[in-house]
mmCIF file of all heavy atoms, coordinates in Angstrom:
data_MODEL
# 
_entry.id   MODEL 
# 
loop_
_atom_site.group_PDB 
_atom_site.id 
_atom_site.type_symbol 
_atom_site.label_atom_id 
_atom_site.label_alt_id 
_atom_site.label_comp_id 
_atom_site.label_asym_id 
_atom_site.label_entity_id 
_atom_site.label_seq_id 
_atom_site.pdbx_PDB_ins_code 
_atom_site.Cartn_x 
_atom_site.Cartn_y 
_atom_site.Cartn_z 
_atom_site.occupancy 
_atom_site.B_iso_or_equiv 
_atom_site.pdbx_formal_charge 
_atom_site.auth_seq_id 
_atom_site.auth_comp_id 
_atom_site.auth_asym_id 
_atom_site.auth_atom_id 
_atom_site.pdbx_PDB_model_num 
ATOM 1   N N   . GLY A 1 1  ? 181.961 71.897 137.917 1.00 0.00 ? 1  GLY A N   1 
ATOM 2   C CA  . GLY A 1 1  ? 183.330 71.461 137.665 1.00 0.00 ? 1  GLY A CA  1 
ATOM 3   C C   . GLY A 1 1  ? 183.461 69.969 137.449 1.00 0.00 ? 1  GLY A C   1 
ATOM 4   O O   . GLY A 1 1  ? 184.315 69.518 136.664 1.00 0.00 ? 1  GLY A O   1 
ATOM 5   N N   . ASP A 1 2  ? 182.619 69.183 138.105 1.00 0.00 ? 2  ASP A N   1 
ATOM 6   C CA  . ASP A 1 2  ? 182.704 67.724 137.990 1.00 0.00 ? 2  ASP A CA  1 
ATOM 7   C C   . ASP A 1 2  ? 182.355 67.230 136.577 1.00 0.00 ? 2  ASP A C   1 
ATOM 8   O O   . ASP A 1 2  ? 182.916 66.226 136.115 1.00 0.00 ? 2  ASP A O   1 
ATOM 9   C CB  . ASP A 1 2  ? 181.776 67.056 138.999 1.00 0.00 ? 2  ASP A CB  1 
ATOM 10  C CG  . ASP A 1 2  ? 182.343 67.112 140.418 1.00 0.00 ? 2  ASP A CG  1 
ATOM 11  O OD1 . ASP A 1 2  ? 183.546 67.391 140.549 1.00 0.00 ? 2  ASP A OD1 1 
ATOM 12  O OD2 . ASP A 1 2  ? 181.567 66.920 141.383 1.00 0.00 ? 2  ASP A OD2 1 
ATOM 13  N N   . VAL A 1 3  ? 181.445 67.925 135.915 1.00 0.00 ? 3  VAL A N   1 
ATOM 14  C CA  . VAL A 1 3  ? 181.016 67.444 134.598 1.00 0.00 ? 3  VAL A CA  1 
ATOM 15  C C   . VAL A 1 3  ? 181.890 67.976 133.469 1.00 0.00 ? 3  VAL A C   1 
ATOM 16  O O   . VAL A 1 3  ? 181.806 67.495 132.336 1.00 0.00 ? 3  VAL A O   1 
ATOM 17  C CB  . VAL A 1 3  ? 179.547 67.831 134.318 1.00 0.00 ? 3  VAL A CB  1 
ATOM 18  C CG1 . VAL A 1 3  ? 178.633 67.186 135.332 1.00 0.00 ? 3  VAL A CG1 1 
ATOM 19  C CG2 . VAL A 1 3  ? 179.364 69.340 134.298 1.00 0.00 ? 3  VAL A CG2 1 
ATOM 20  N N   . GLU A 1 4  ? 182.764 68.942 133.771 1.00 0.00 ? 4  GLU A N   1 
ATOM 21  C CA  . GLU A 1 4  ? 183.590 69.535 132.711 1.00 0.00 ? 4  GLU A CA  1 
ATOM 22  C C   . GLU A 1 4  ? 184.475 68.485 132.031 1.00 0.00 ? 4  GLU A C   1 
ATOM 23  O O   . GLU A 1 4  ? 184.542 68.439 130.779 1.00 0.00 ? 4  GLU A O   1 
ATOM 24  C CB  . GLU A 1 4  ? 184.431 70.671 133.294 1.00 0.00 ? 4  GLU A CB  1 
ATOM 25  C CG  . GLU A 1 4  ? 185.320 71.384 132.283 1.00 0.00 ? 4  GLU A CG  1 
ATOM 26  C CD  . GLU A 1 4  ? 184.516 72.115 131.215 1.00 0.00 ? 4  GLU A CD  1 
ATOM 27  O OE1 . GLU A 1 4  ? 183.386 72.521 131.515 1.00 0.00 ? 4  GLU A OE1 1 
ATOM 28  O OE2 . GLU A 1 4  ? 185.026 72.267 130.088 1.00 0.00 ? 4  GLU A OE2 1 
ATOM 29  N N   . PRO A 1 5  ? 185.185 67.600 132.761 1.00 0.00 ? 5  PRO A N   1 
ATOM 30  C CA  . PRO A 1 5  ? 186.031 66.608 132.086 1.00 0.00 ? 5  PRO A CA  1 
ATOM 31  C C   . PRO A 1 5  ? 185.235 65.586 131.275 1.00 0.00 ? 5  PRO A C   1 
ATOM 32  O O   . PRO A 1 5  ? 185.802 64.928 130.388 1.00 0.00 ? 5  PRO A O   1 
ATOM 33  C CB  . PRO A 1 5  ? 186.770 65.914 133.251 1.00 0.00 ? 5  PRO A CB  1 
ATOM 34  C CG  . PRO A 1 5  ? 186.661 66.866 134.402 1.00 0.00 ? 5  PRO A CG  1 
ATOM 35  C CD  . PRO A 1 5  ? 185.355 67.543 134.228 1.00 0.00 ? 5  PRO A CD  1 
ATOM 36  N N   . ALA A 1 6  ? 183.951 65.453 131.592 1.00 0.00 ? 6  ALA A N   1 
ATOM 37  C CA  . ALA A 1 6  ? 183.144 64.444 130.897 1.00 0.00 ? 6  ALA A CA  1 
ATOM 38  C C   . ALA A 1 6  ? 182.570 64.951 129.582 1.00 0.00 ? 6  ALA A C   1 
ATOM 39  O O   . ALA A 1 6  ? 181.911 64.194 128.859 1.00 0.00 ? 6  ALA A O   1 
ATOM 40  C CB  . ALA A 1 6  ? 181.998 63.984 131.803 1.00 0.00 ? 6  ALA A CB  1 
ATOM 41  N N   . MET A 1 7  ? 182.812 66.234 129.265 1.00 0.00 ? 7  MET A N   1 
ATOM 42  C CA  . MET A 1 7  ? 182.196 66.780 128.064 1.00 0.00 ? 7  MET A CA  1 
ATOM 43  C C   . MET A 1 7  ? 182.927 66.322 126.804 1.00 0.00 ? 7  MET A C   1 
ATOM 44  O O   . MET A 1 7  ? 184.149 66.490 126.679 1.00 0.00 ? 7  MET A O   1 
ATOM 45  C CB  . MET A 1 7  ? 182.183 68.309 128.113 1.00 0.00 ? 7  MET A CB  1 
ATOM 46  C CG  . MET A 1 7  ? 181.567 68.952 126.861 1.00 0.00 ? 7  MET A CG  1 
ATOM 47  S SD  . MET A 1 7  ? 181.442 70.755 126.983 1.00 0.00 ? 7  MET A SD  1 
ATOM 48  C CE  . MET A 1 7  ? 180.072 70.894 128.113 1.00 0.00 ? 7  MET A CE  1 
ATOM 49  N N   . ASN A 1 8  ? 182.198 65.731 125.896 1.00 0.00 ? 8  ASN A N   1 
ATOM 50  C CA  . ASN A 1 8  ? 182.687 65.406 124.553 1.00 0.00 ? 8  ASN A CA  1 
ATOM 51  C C   . ASN A 1 8  ? 181.488 65.481 123.618 1.00 0.00 ? 8  ASN A C   1 
ATOM 52  O O   . ASN A 1 8  ? 180.375 65.814 124.037 1.00 0.00 ? 8  ASN A O   1 
ATOM 53  C CB  . ASN A 1 8  ? 183.377 64.027 124.515 1.00 0.00 ? 8  ASN A CB  1 
ATOM 54  C CG  . ASN A 1 8  ? 182.488 62.930 125.025 1.00 0.00 ? 8  ASN A CG  1 
ATOM 55  O OD1 . ASN A 1 8  ? 181.324 62.825 124.625 1.00 0.00 ? 8  ASN A OD1 1 
ATOM 56  N ND2 . ASN A 1 8  ? 183.009 62.105 125.929 1.00 0.00 ? 8  ASN A ND2 1 
ATOM 57  N N   . ARG A 1 9  ? 181.706 65.183 122.365 1.00 0.00 ? 9  ARG A N   1 
ATOM 58  C CA  . ARG A 1 9  ? 180.633 65.361 121.395 1.00 0.00 ? 9  ARG A CA  1 
ATOM 59  C C   . ARG A 1 9  ? 179.419 64.483 121.686 1.00 0.00 ? 9  ARG A C   1 
ATOM 60  O O   . ARG A 1 9  ? 178.290 64.865 121.404 1.00 0.00 ? 9  ARG A O   1 
ATOM 61  C CB  . ARG A 1 9  ? 181.152 65.081 119.985 1.00 0.00 ? 9  ARG A CB  1 
ATOM 62  C CG  . ARG A 1 9  ? 180.208 65.569 118.903 1.00 0.00 ? 9  ARG A CG  1 
ATOM 63  C CD  . ARG A 1 9  ? 180.884 65.662 117.549 1.00 0.00 ? 9  ARG A CD  1 
ATOM 64  N NE  . ARG A 1 9  ? 180.010 66.280 116.578 1.00 0.00 ? 9  ARG A NE  1 
ATOM 65  C CZ  . ARG A 1 9  ? 179.866 67.595 116.412 1.00 0.00 ? 9  ARG A CZ  1 
ATOM 66  N NH1 . ARG A 1 9  ? 180.572 68.418 117.188 1.00 0.00 ? 9  ARG A NH1 1 
ATOM 67  N NH2 . ARG A 1 9  ? 179.063 68.097 115.500 1.00 0.00 ? 9  ARG A NH2 1 
ATOM 68  N N   . SER A 1 10 ? 179.636 63.363 122.316 1.00 0.00 ? 10 SER A N   1 
ATOM 69  C CA  . SER A 1 10 ? 178.507 62.469 122.567 1.00 0.00 ? 10 SER A CA  1 
ATOM 70  C C   . SER A 1 10 ? 177.786 62.785 123.884 1.00 0.00 ? 10 SER A C   1 
ATOM 71  O O   . SER A 1 10 ? 176.634 62.377 124.088 1.00 0.00 ? 10 SER A O   1 
ATOM 72  C CB  . SER A 1 10 ? 178.986 61.016 122.598 1.00 0.00 ? 10 SER A CB  1 
ATOM 73  O OG  . SER A 1 10 ? 179.912 60.817 123.661 1.00 0.00 ? 10 SER A OG  1 
ATOM 74  N N   . THR A 1 11 ? 178.452 63.523 124.786 1.00 0.00 ? 11 THR A N   1 
ATOM 75  C CA  . THR A 1 11 ? 177.850 63.806 126.103 1.00 0.00 ? 11 THR A CA  1 
ATOM 76  C C   . THR A 1 11 ? 177.484 65.275 126.306 1.00 0.00 ? 11 THR A C   1 
ATOM 77  O O   . THR A 1 11 ? 176.958 65.637 127.365 1.00 0.00 ? 11 THR A O   1 
ATOM 78  C CB  . THR A 1 11 ? 178.819 63.392 127.220 1.00 0.00 ? 11 THR A CB  1 
ATOM 79  O OG1 . THR A 1 11 ? 180.026 64.180 127.126 1.00 0.00 ? 11 THR A OG1 1 
ATOM 80  C CG2 . THR A 1 11 ? 179.139 61.918 127.156 1.00 0.00 ? 11 THR A CG2 1 
ATOM 81  N N   . THR A 1 12 ? 177.757 66.125 125.321 1.00 0.00 ? 12 THR A N   1 
ATOM 82  C CA  . THR A 1 12 ? 177.549 67.569 125.502 1.00 0.00 ? 12 THR A CA  1 
ATOM 83  C C   . THR A 1 12 ? 176.103 67.901 125.876 1.00 0.00 ? 12 THR A C   1 
ATOM 84  O O   . THR A 1 12 ? 175.848 68.716 126.785 1.00 0.00 ? 12 THR A O   1 
ATOM 85  C CB  . THR A 1 12 ? 177.940 68.341 124.218 1.00 0.00 ? 12 THR A CB  1 
ATOM 86  O OG1 . THR A 1 12 ? 179.330 68.142 123.983 1.00 0.00 ? 12 THR A OG1 1 
ATOM 87  C CG2 . THR A 1 12 ? 177.647 69.812 124.374 1.00 0.00 ? 12 THR A CG2 1 
ATOM 88  N N   . GLY A 1 13 ? 175.139 67.320 125.208 1.00 0.00 ? 13 GLY A N   1 
ATOM 89  C CA  . GLY A 1 13 ? 173.741 67.588 125.520 1.00 0.00 ? 13 GLY A CA  1 
ATOM 90  C C   . GLY A 1 13 ? 173.386 67.249 126.960 1.00 0.00 ? 13 GLY A C   1 
ATOM 91  O O   . GLY A 1 13 ? 172.675 68.003 127.638 1.00 0.00 ? 13 GLY A O   1 
ATOM 92  N N   . HIS A 1 14 ? 173.921 66.120 127.440 1.00 0.00 ? 14 HIS A N   1 
ATOM 93  C CA  . HIS A 1 14 ? 173.665 65.714 128.812 1.00 0.00 ? 14 HIS A CA  1 
ATOM 94  C C   . HIS A 1 14 ? 174.329 66.659 129.808 1.00 0.00 ? 14 HIS A C   1 
ATOM 95  O O   . HIS A 1 14 ? 173.750 67.017 130.844 1.00 0.00 ? 14 HIS A O   1 
ATOM 96  C CB  . HIS A 1 14 ? 174.151 64.281 129.022 1.00 0.00 ? 14 HIS A CB  1 
ATOM 97  C CG  . HIS A 1 14 ? 173.687 63.679 130.306 1.00 0.00 ? 14 HIS A CG  1 
ATOM 98  N ND1 . HIS A 1 14 ? 174.083 62.420 130.718 1.00 0.00 ? 14 HIS A ND1 1 
ATOM 99  C CD2 . HIS A 1 14 ? 172.898 64.156 131.292 1.00 0.00 ? 14 HIS A CD2 1 
ATOM 100 C CE1 . HIS A 1 14 ? 173.529 62.156 131.878 1.00 0.00 ? 14 HIS A CE1 1 
ATOM 101 N NE2 . HIS A 1 14 ? 172.804 63.193 132.253 1.00 0.00 ? 14 HIS A NE2 1 
ATOM 102 N N   . VAL A 1 15 ? 175.556 67.099 129.477 1.00 0.00 ? 15 VAL A N   1 
ATOM 103 C CA  . VAL A 1 15 ? 176.268 68.038 130.350 1.00 0.00 ? 15 VAL A CA  1 
ATOM 104 C C   . VAL A 1 15 ? 175.511 69.360 130.450 1.00 0.00 ? 15 VAL A C   1 
ATOM 105 O O   . VAL A 1 15 ? 175.352 69.931 131.538 1.00 0.00 ? 15 VAL A O   1 
ATOM 106 C CB  . VAL A 1 15 ? 177.699 68.267 129.833 1.00 0.00 ? 15 VAL A CB  1 
ATOM 107 C CG1 . VAL A 1 15 ? 178.339 69.440 130.581 1.00 0.00 ? 15 VAL A CG1 1 
ATOM 108 C CG2 . VAL A 1 15 ? 178.529 67.015 130.000 1.00 0.00 ? 15 VAL A CG2 1 
ATOM 109 N N   . PHE A 1 16 ? 175.026 69.869 129.309 1.00 0.00 ? 16 PHE A N   1 
ATOM 110 C CA  . PHE A 1 16 ? 174.265 71.101 129.306 1.00 0.00 ? 16 PHE A CA  1 
ATOM 111 C C   . PHE A 1 16 ? 173.019 70.990 130.197 1.00 0.00 ? 16 PHE A C   1 
ATOM 112 O O   . PHE A 1 16 ? 172.692 71.903 130.969 1.00 0.00 ? 16 PHE A O   1 
ATOM 113 C CB  . PHE A 1 16 ? 173.850 71.474 127.880 1.00 0.00 ? 16 PHE A CB  1 
ATOM 114 C CG  . PHE A 1 16 ? 174.975 72.032 127.048 1.00 0.00 ? 16 PHE A CG  1 
ATOM 115 C CD1 . PHE A 1 16 ? 174.823 72.193 125.674 1.00 0.00 ? 16 PHE A CD1 1 
ATOM 116 C CD2 . PHE A 1 16 ? 176.178 72.395 127.616 1.00 0.00 ? 16 PHE A CD2 1 
ATOM 117 C CE1 . PHE A 1 16 ? 175.851 72.715 124.907 1.00 0.00 ? 16 PHE A CE1 1 
ATOM 118 C CE2 . PHE A 1 16 ? 177.219 72.910 126.854 1.00 0.00 ? 16 PHE A CE2 1 
ATOM 119 C CZ  . PHE A 1 16 ? 177.055 73.075 125.495 1.00 0.00 ? 16 PHE A CZ  1 
ATOM 120 N N   . ASP A 1 17 ? 172.323 69.878 130.088 1.00 0.00 ? 17 ASP A N   1 
ATOM 121 C CA  . ASP A 1 17 ? 171.101 69.695 130.862 1.00 0.00 ? 17 ASP A CA  1 
ATOM 122 C C   . ASP A 1 17 ? 171.401 69.594 132.356 1.00 0.00 ? 17 ASP A C   1 
ATOM 123 O O   . ASP A 1 17 ? 170.662 70.119 133.196 1.00 0.00 ? 17 ASP A O   1 
ATOM 124 C CB  . ASP A 1 17 ? 170.376 68.437 130.403 1.00 0.00 ? 17 ASP A CB  1 
ATOM 125 C CG  . ASP A 1 17 ? 169.073 68.212 131.151 1.00 0.00 ? 17 ASP A CG  1 
ATOM 126 O OD1 . ASP A 1 17 ? 168.160 69.058 131.014 1.00 0.00 ? 17 ASP A OD1 1 
ATOM 127 O OD2 . ASP A 1 17 ? 168.971 67.213 131.888 1.00 0.00 ? 17 ASP A OD2 1 
ATOM 128 N N   . LEU A 1 18 ? 172.507 68.919 132.703 1.00 0.00 ? 18 LEU A N   1 
ATOM 129 C CA  . LEU A 1 18 ? 172.890 68.806 134.108 1.00 0.00 ? 18 LEU A CA  1 
ATOM 130 C C   . LEU A 1 18 ? 173.246 70.174 134.684 1.00 0.00 ? 18 LEU A C   1 
ATOM 131 O O   . LEU A 1 18 ? 172.866 70.499 135.823 1.00 0.00 ? 18 LEU A O   1 
ATOM 132 C CB  . LEU A 1 18 ? 174.069 67.838 134.237 1.00 0.00 ? 18 LEU A CB  1 
ATOM 133 C CG  . LEU A 1 18 ? 174.460 67.423 135.657 1.00 0.00 ? 18 LEU A CG  1 
ATOM 134 C CD1 . LEU A 1 18 ? 173.308 66.701 136.340 1.00 0.00 ? 18 LEU A CD1 1 
ATOM 135 C CD2 . LEU A 1 18 ? 175.702 66.538 135.625 1.00 0.00 ? 18 LEU A CD2 1 
ATOM 136 N N   . ARG A 1 19 ? 173.951 70.978 133.911 1.00 0.00 ? 19 ARG A N   1 
ATOM 137 C CA  . ARG A 1 19 ? 174.280 72.329 134.367 1.00 0.00 ? 19 ARG A CA  1 
ATOM 138 C C   . ARG A 1 19 ? 173.021 73.193 134.506 1.00 0.00 ? 19 ARG A C   1 
ATOM 139 O O   . ARG A 1 19 ? 172.915 73.994 135.430 1.00 0.00 ? 19 ARG A O   1 
ATOM 140 C CB  . ARG A 1 19 ? 175.271 72.963 133.387 1.00 0.00 ? 19 ARG A CB  1 
ATOM 141 C CG  . ARG A 1 19 ? 176.687 72.440 133.552 1.00 0.00 ? 19 ARG A CG  1 
ATOM 142 C CD  . ARG A 1 19 ? 177.620 73.016 132.534 1.00 0.00 ? 19 ARG A CD  1 
ATOM 143 N NE  . ARG A 1 19 ? 179.015 72.696 132.868 1.00 0.00 ? 19 ARG A NE  1 
ATOM 144 C CZ  . ARG A 1 19 ? 180.048 72.908 132.057 1.00 0.00 ? 19 ARG A CZ  1 
ATOM 145 N NH1 . ARG A 1 19 ? 179.844 73.432 130.836 1.00 0.00 ? 19 ARG A NH1 1 
ATOM 146 N NH2 . ARG A 1 19 ? 181.278 72.597 132.437 1.00 0.00 ? 19 ARG A NH2 1 
ATOM 147 N N   . ARG A 1 20 ? 172.084 73.028 133.611 1.00 0.00 ? 20 ARG A N   1 
ATOM 148 C CA  . ARG A 1 20 ? 170.833 73.772 133.699 1.00 0.00 ? 20 ARG A CA  1 
ATOM 149 C C   . ARG A 1 20 ? 170.136 73.479 135.024 1.00 0.00 ? 20 ARG A C   1 
ATOM 150 O O   . ARG A 1 20 ? 169.684 74.386 135.719 1.00 0.00 ? 20 ARG A O   1 
ATOM 151 C CB  . ARG A 1 20 ? 169.922 73.401 132.525 1.00 0.00 ? 20 ARG A CB  1 
ATOM 152 C CG  . ARG A 1 20 ? 168.518 74.036 132.611 1.00 0.00 ? 20 ARG A CG  1 
ATOM 153 C CD  . ARG A 1 20 ? 167.578 73.415 131.593 1.00 0.00 ? 20 ARG A CD  1 
ATOM 154 N NE  . ARG A 1 20 ? 167.364 71.989 131.846 1.00 0.00 ? 20 ARG A NE  1 
ATOM 155 C CZ  . ARG A 1 20 ? 166.511 71.526 132.755 1.00 0.00 ? 20 ARG A CZ  1 
ATOM 156 N NH1 . ARG A 1 20 ? 165.812 72.365 133.526 1.00 0.00 ? 20 ARG A NH1 1 
ATOM 157 N NH2 . ARG A 1 20 ? 166.350 70.216 132.920 1.00 0.00 ? 20 ARG A NH2 1 
ATOM 158 N N   . ARG A 1 21 ? 170.085 72.195 135.374 1.00 0.00 ? 21 ARG A N   1 
ATOM 159 C CA  . ARG A 1 21 ? 169.412 71.826 136.620 1.00 0.00 ? 21 ARG A CA  1 
ATOM 160 C C   . ARG A 1 21 ? 170.185 72.299 137.853 1.00 0.00 ? 21 ARG A C   1 
ATOM 161 O O   . ARG A 1 21 ? 169.600 72.669 138.872 1.00 0.00 ? 21 ARG A O   1 
ATOM 162 C CB  . ARG A 1 21 ? 169.226 70.310 136.665 1.00 0.00 ? 21 ARG A CB  1 
ATOM 163 C CG  . ARG A 1 21 ? 168.121 69.823 135.736 1.00 0.00 ? 21 ARG A CG  1 
ATOM 164 C CD  . ARG A 1 21 ? 167.896 68.321 135.858 1.00 0.00 ? 21 ARG A CD  1 
ATOM 165 N NE  . ARG A 1 21 ? 168.942 67.572 135.167 1.00 0.00 ? 21 ARG A NE  1 
ATOM 166 C CZ  . ARG A 1 21 ? 169.427 66.407 135.564 1.00 0.00 ? 21 ARG A CZ  1 
ATOM 167 N NH1 . ARG A 1 21 ? 168.976 65.842 136.677 1.00 0.00 ? 21 ARG A NH1 1 
ATOM 168 N NH2 . ARG A 1 21 ? 170.347 65.787 134.863 1.00 0.00 ? 21 ARG A NH2 1 
ATOM 169 N N   . ALA A 1 22 ? 171.514 72.303 137.746 1.00 0.00 ? 22 ALA A N   1 
ATOM 170 C CA  . ALA A 1 22 ? 172.329 72.788 138.866 1.00 0.00 ? 22 ALA A CA  1 
ATOM 171 C C   . ALA A 1 22 ? 172.111 74.288 139.075 1.00 0.00 ? 22 ALA A C   1 
ATOM 172 O O   . ALA A 1 22 ? 171.986 74.759 140.214 1.00 0.00 ? 22 ALA A O   1 
ATOM 173 C CB  . ALA A 1 22 ? 173.808 72.500 138.604 1.00 0.00 ? 22 ALA A CB  1 
ATOM 174 N N   . TYR A 1 23 ? 172.041 75.051 137.992 1.00 0.00 ? 23 TYR A N   1 
ATOM 175 C CA  . TYR A 1 23 ? 171.824 76.493 138.097 1.00 0.00 ? 23 TYR A CA  1 
ATOM 176 C C   . TYR A 1 23 ? 170.423 76.810 138.610 1.00 0.00 ? 23 TYR A C   1 
ATOM 177 O O   . TYR A 1 23 ? 170.221 77.750 139.377 1.00 0.00 ? 23 TYR A O   1 
ATOM 178 C CB  . TYR A 1 23 ? 172.078 77.155 136.751 1.00 0.00 ? 23 TYR A CB  1 
ATOM 179 C CG  . TYR A 1 23 ? 173.537 77.405 136.474 1.00 0.00 ? 23 TYR A CG  1 
ATOM 180 C CD1 . TYR A 1 23 ? 174.464 76.381 136.538 1.00 0.00 ? 23 TYR A CD1 1 
ATOM 181 C CD2 . TYR A 1 23 ? 174.000 78.684 136.147 1.00 0.00 ? 23 TYR A CD2 1 
ATOM 182 C CE1 . TYR A 1 23 ? 175.809 76.594 136.294 1.00 0.00 ? 23 TYR A CE1 1 
ATOM 183 C CE2 . TYR A 1 23 ? 175.341 78.906 135.896 1.00 0.00 ? 23 TYR A CE2 1 
ATOM 184 C CZ  . TYR A 1 23 ? 176.240 77.849 135.966 1.00 0.00 ? 23 TYR A CZ  1 
ATOM 185 O OH  . TYR A 1 23 ? 177.580 78.087 135.735 1.00 0.00 ? 23 TYR A OH  1 
ATOM 186 N N   . ARG A 1 24 ? 169.454 75.998 138.188 1.00 0.00 ? 24 ARG A N   1 
ATOM 187 C CA  . ARG A 1 24 ? 168.099 76.196 138.696 1.00 0.00 ? 24 ARG A CA  1 
ATOM 188 C C   . ARG A 1 24 ? 168.041 75.897 140.191 1.00 0.00 ? 24 ARG A C   1 
ATOM 189 O O   . ARG A 1 24 ? 167.342 76.580 140.950 1.00 0.00 ? 24 ARG A O   1 
ATOM 190 C CB  . ARG A 1 24 ? 167.134 75.293 137.935 1.00 0.00 ? 24 ARG A CB  1 
ATOM 191 C CG  . ARG A 1 24 ? 165.671 75.590 138.216 1.00 0.00 ? 24 ARG A CG  1 
ATOM 192 C CD  . ARG A 1 24 ? 165.292 76.959 137.689 1.00 0.00 ? 24 ARG A CD  1 
ATOM 193 N NE  . ARG A 1 24 ? 165.237 76.989 136.249 1.00 0.00 ? 24 ARG A NE  1 
ATOM 194 C CZ  . ARG A 1 24 ? 165.132 78.105 135.528 1.00 0.00 ? 24 ARG A CZ  1 
ATOM 195 N NH1 . ARG A 1 24 ? 165.090 79.284 136.148 1.00 0.00 ? 24 ARG A NH1 1 
ATOM 196 N NH2 . ARG A 1 24 ? 165.082 78.066 134.213 1.00 0.00 ? 24 ARG A NH2 1 
ATOM 197 N N   . TYR A 1 25 ? 168.810 74.889 140.624 1.00 0.00 ? 25 TYR A N   1 
ATOM 198 C CA  . TYR A 1 25 ? 168.889 74.596 142.058 1.00 0.00 ? 25 TYR A CA  1 
ATOM 199 C C   . TYR A 1 25 ? 169.469 75.784 142.804 1.00 0.00 ? 25 TYR A C   1 
ATOM 200 O O   . TYR A 1 25 ? 168.974 76.172 143.879 1.00 0.00 ? 25 TYR A O   1 
ATOM 201 C CB  . TYR A 1 25 ? 169.759 73.351 142.292 1.00 0.00 ? 25 TYR A CB  1 
ATOM 202 C CG  . TYR A 1 25 ? 170.291 73.240 143.705 1.00 0.00 ? 25 TYR A CG  1 
ATOM 203 C CD1 . TYR A 1 25 ? 169.498 72.730 144.726 1.00 0.00 ? 25 TYR A CD1 1 
ATOM 204 C CD2 . TYR A 1 25 ? 171.592 73.677 144.014 1.00 0.00 ? 25 TYR A CD2 1 
ATOM 205 C CE1 . TYR A 1 25 ? 169.971 72.653 146.027 1.00 0.00 ? 25 TYR A CE1 1 
ATOM 206 C CE2 . TYR A 1 25 ? 172.075 73.607 145.303 1.00 0.00 ? 25 TYR A CE2 1 
ATOM 207 C CZ  . TYR A 1 25 ? 171.271 73.096 146.304 1.00 0.00 ? 25 TYR A CZ  1 
ATOM 208 O OH  . TYR A 1 25 ? 171.745 73.039 147.592 1.00 0.00 ? 25 TYR A OH  1 
ATOM 209 N N   . GLY A 1 26 ? 170.544 76.351 142.260 1.00 0.00 ? 26 GLY A N   1 
ATOM 210 C CA  . GLY A 1 26 ? 171.153 77.512 142.913 1.00 0.00 ? 26 GLY A CA  1 
ATOM 211 C C   . GLY A 1 26 ? 170.182 78.675 143.028 1.00 0.00 ? 26 GLY A C   1 
ATOM 212 O O   . GLY A 1 26 ? 170.103 79.339 144.071 1.00 0.00 ? 26 GLY A O   1 
ATOM 213 N N   . GLN A 1 27 ? 169.433 78.934 141.976 1.00 0.00 ? 27 GLN A N   1 
ATOM 214 C CA  . GLN A 1 27 ? 168.463 80.036 141.980 1.00 0.00 ? 27 GLN A CA  1 
ATOM 215 C C   . GLN A 1 27 ? 167.402 79.810 143.060 1.00 0.00 ? 27 GLN A C   1 
ATOM 216 O O   . GLN A 1 27 ? 167.111 80.709 143.857 1.00 0.00 ? 27 GLN A O   1 
ATOM 217 C CB  . GLN A 1 27 ? 167.805 80.157 140.602 1.00 0.00 ? 27 GLN A CB  1 
ATOM 218 C CG  . GLN A 1 27 ? 166.776 81.279 140.529 1.00 0.00 ? 27 GLN A CG  1 
ATOM 219 C CD  . GLN A 1 27 ? 166.054 81.281 139.183 1.00 0.00 ? 27 GLN A CD  1 
ATOM 220 O OE1 . GLN A 1 27 ? 166.129 80.311 138.420 1.00 0.00 ? 27 GLN A OE1 1 
ATOM 221 N NE2 . GLN A 1 27 ? 165.369 82.355 138.888 1.00 0.00 ? 27 GLN A NE2 1 
# 
């Protein structure tokens, strides 16, 4: 939820990668 407001065309790749790592942490 914290990274959702930060998503724009220039930060989308970074947001995706951060979410990937968060989901891997959860797993």
